[in-house]
Amino acid sequence: MEWWLIILVIFGSLVVLMVSGLPVAFAFLLINIGGALFFLGGEAGLGQLILNIR
């Protein structure tokens, strides 16, 4: 995937979530979880996301 397409999908989904009425913090959380699943390799990415929070 091209880098500009990835940025477009991330910002587009963020805008859609915020326009739908979801609070900004939850919209960012969903984008982070989706990015960890997609870019960091599924379940291992979620584990890495959790380890980085602490």
C-alpha atoms as a PDB file:
ATOM      1  CA  MET A   1       0.000   0.000   0.000  1.00  0.00           C
ATOM      2  CA  GLU A   2       1.217   3.483  -0.735  1.00  0.00           C
ATOM      3  CA  TRP A   3       1.858   5.770   2.233  1.00  0.00           C
ATOM      4  CA  TRP A   4      -0.633   8.396   1.044  1.00  0.00           C
ATOM      5  CA  LEU A   5      -3.389   5.799   0.789  1.00  0.00           C
ATOM      6  CA  ILE A   6      -2.727   4.640   4.348  1.00  0.00           C
ATOM      7  CA  ILE A   7      -2.899   8.227   5.644  1.00  0.00           C
ATOM      8  CA  LEU A   8      -6.098   8.832   3.680  1.00  0.00           C
ATOM      9  CA  VAL A   9      -7.739   5.732   5.173  1.00  0.00           C
ATOM     10  CA  ILE A  10      -6.674   6.632   8.720  1.00  0.00           C
ATOM     11  CA  PHE A  11      -7.867  10.241   8.542  1.00  0.00           C
ATOM     12  CA  GLY A  12     -10.999   9.277   6.636  1.00  0.00           C
ATOM     13  CA  SER A  13     -11.999   6.702   9.211  1.00  0.00           C
ATOM     14  CA  LEU A  14     -11.248   9.165  12.012  1.00  0.00           C
ATOM     15  CA  VAL A  15     -13.499  11.774  10.401  1.00  0.00           C
ATOM     16  CA  VAL A  16     -16.275   9.215   9.872  1.00  0.00           C
ATOM     17  CA  LEU A  17     -16.098   8.118  13.506  1.00  0.00           C
ATOM     18  CA  MET A  18     -16.213  11.695  14.792  1.00  0.00           C
ATOM     19  CA  VAL A  19     -19.038  12.726  12.441  1.00  0.00           C
ATOM     20  CA  SER A  20     -21.041   9.721  13.638  1.00  0.00           C
ATOM     21  CA  GLY A  21     -21.023  11.227  17.132  1.00  0.00           C
ATOM     22  CA  LEU A  22     -18.363   9.088  18.773  1.00  0.00           C
ATOM     23  CA  PRO A  23     -16.260  11.030  21.309  1.00  0.00           C
ATOM     24  CA  VAL A  24     -12.784  11.943  20.088  1.00  0.00           C
ATOM     25  CA  ALA A  25     -10.963   9.808  22.668  1.00  0.00           C
ATOM     26  CA  PHE A  26     -12.878   6.679  21.671  1.00  0.00           C
ATOM     27  CA  ALA A  27     -12.382   7.437  17.980  1.00  0.00           C
ATOM     28  CA  PHE A  28      -8.609   7.665  18.502  1.00  0.00           C
ATOM     29  CA  LEU A  29      -8.684   4.452  20.545  1.00  0.00           C
ATOM     30  CA  LEU A  30     -10.476   2.572  17.769  1.00  0.00           C
ATOM     31  CA  ILE A  31      -8.043   3.928  15.164  1.00  0.00           C
ATOM     32  CA  ASN A  32      -5.088   2.823  17.328  1.00  0.00           C
ATOM     33  CA  ILE A  33      -6.518  -0.668  17.806  1.00  0.00           C
ATOM     34  CA  GLY A  34      -7.240  -0.995  14.095  1.00  0.00           C
ATOM     35  CA  GLY A  35      -3.750   0.206  13.218  1.00  0.00           C
ATOM     36  CA  ALA A  36      -2.165  -2.246  15.639  1.00  0.00           C
ATOM     37  CA  LEU A  37      -4.177  -5.086  14.146  1.00  0.00           C
ATOM     38  CA  PHE A  38      -3.330  -4.150  10.564  1.00  0.00           C
ATOM     39  CA  PHE A  39       0.241  -2.841  10.729  1.00  0.00           C
ATOM     40  CA  LEU A  40       1.702  -4.817  13.640  1.00  0.00           C
ATOM     41  CA  GLY A  41       0.388  -8.223  12.664  1.00  0.00           C
ATOM     42  CA  GLY A  42      -2.912  -9.188  14.269  1.00  0.00           C
ATOM     43  CA  GLU A  43      -2.944 -10.517  17.815  1.00  0.00           C
ATOM     44  CA  ALA A  44       0.763  -9.872  18.316  1.00  0.00           C
ATOM     45  CA  GLY A  45       0.117  -6.229  17.438  1.00  0.00           C
ATOM     46  CA  LEU A  46      -2.549  -5.943  20.117  1.00  0.00           C
ATOM     47  CA  GLY A  47      -0.155  -7.420  22.646  1.00  0.00           C
ATOM     48  CA  GLN A  48       2.471  -4.881  21.632  1.00  0.00           C
ATOM     49  CA  LEU A  49      -0.078  -2.055  21.930  1.00  0.00           C
ATOM     50  CA  ILE A  50      -0.924  -3.148  25.475  1.00  0.00           C
ATOM     51  CA  LEU A  51       2.748  -3.419  26.445  1.00  0.00           C
ATOM     52  CA  ASN A  52       3.418   0.098  25.125  1.00  0.00           C
ATOM     53  CA  ILE A  53       0.659   1.647  27.250  1.00  0.00           C
ATOM     54  CA  ARG A  54       2.443   0.892  30.531  1.00  0.00           C
END
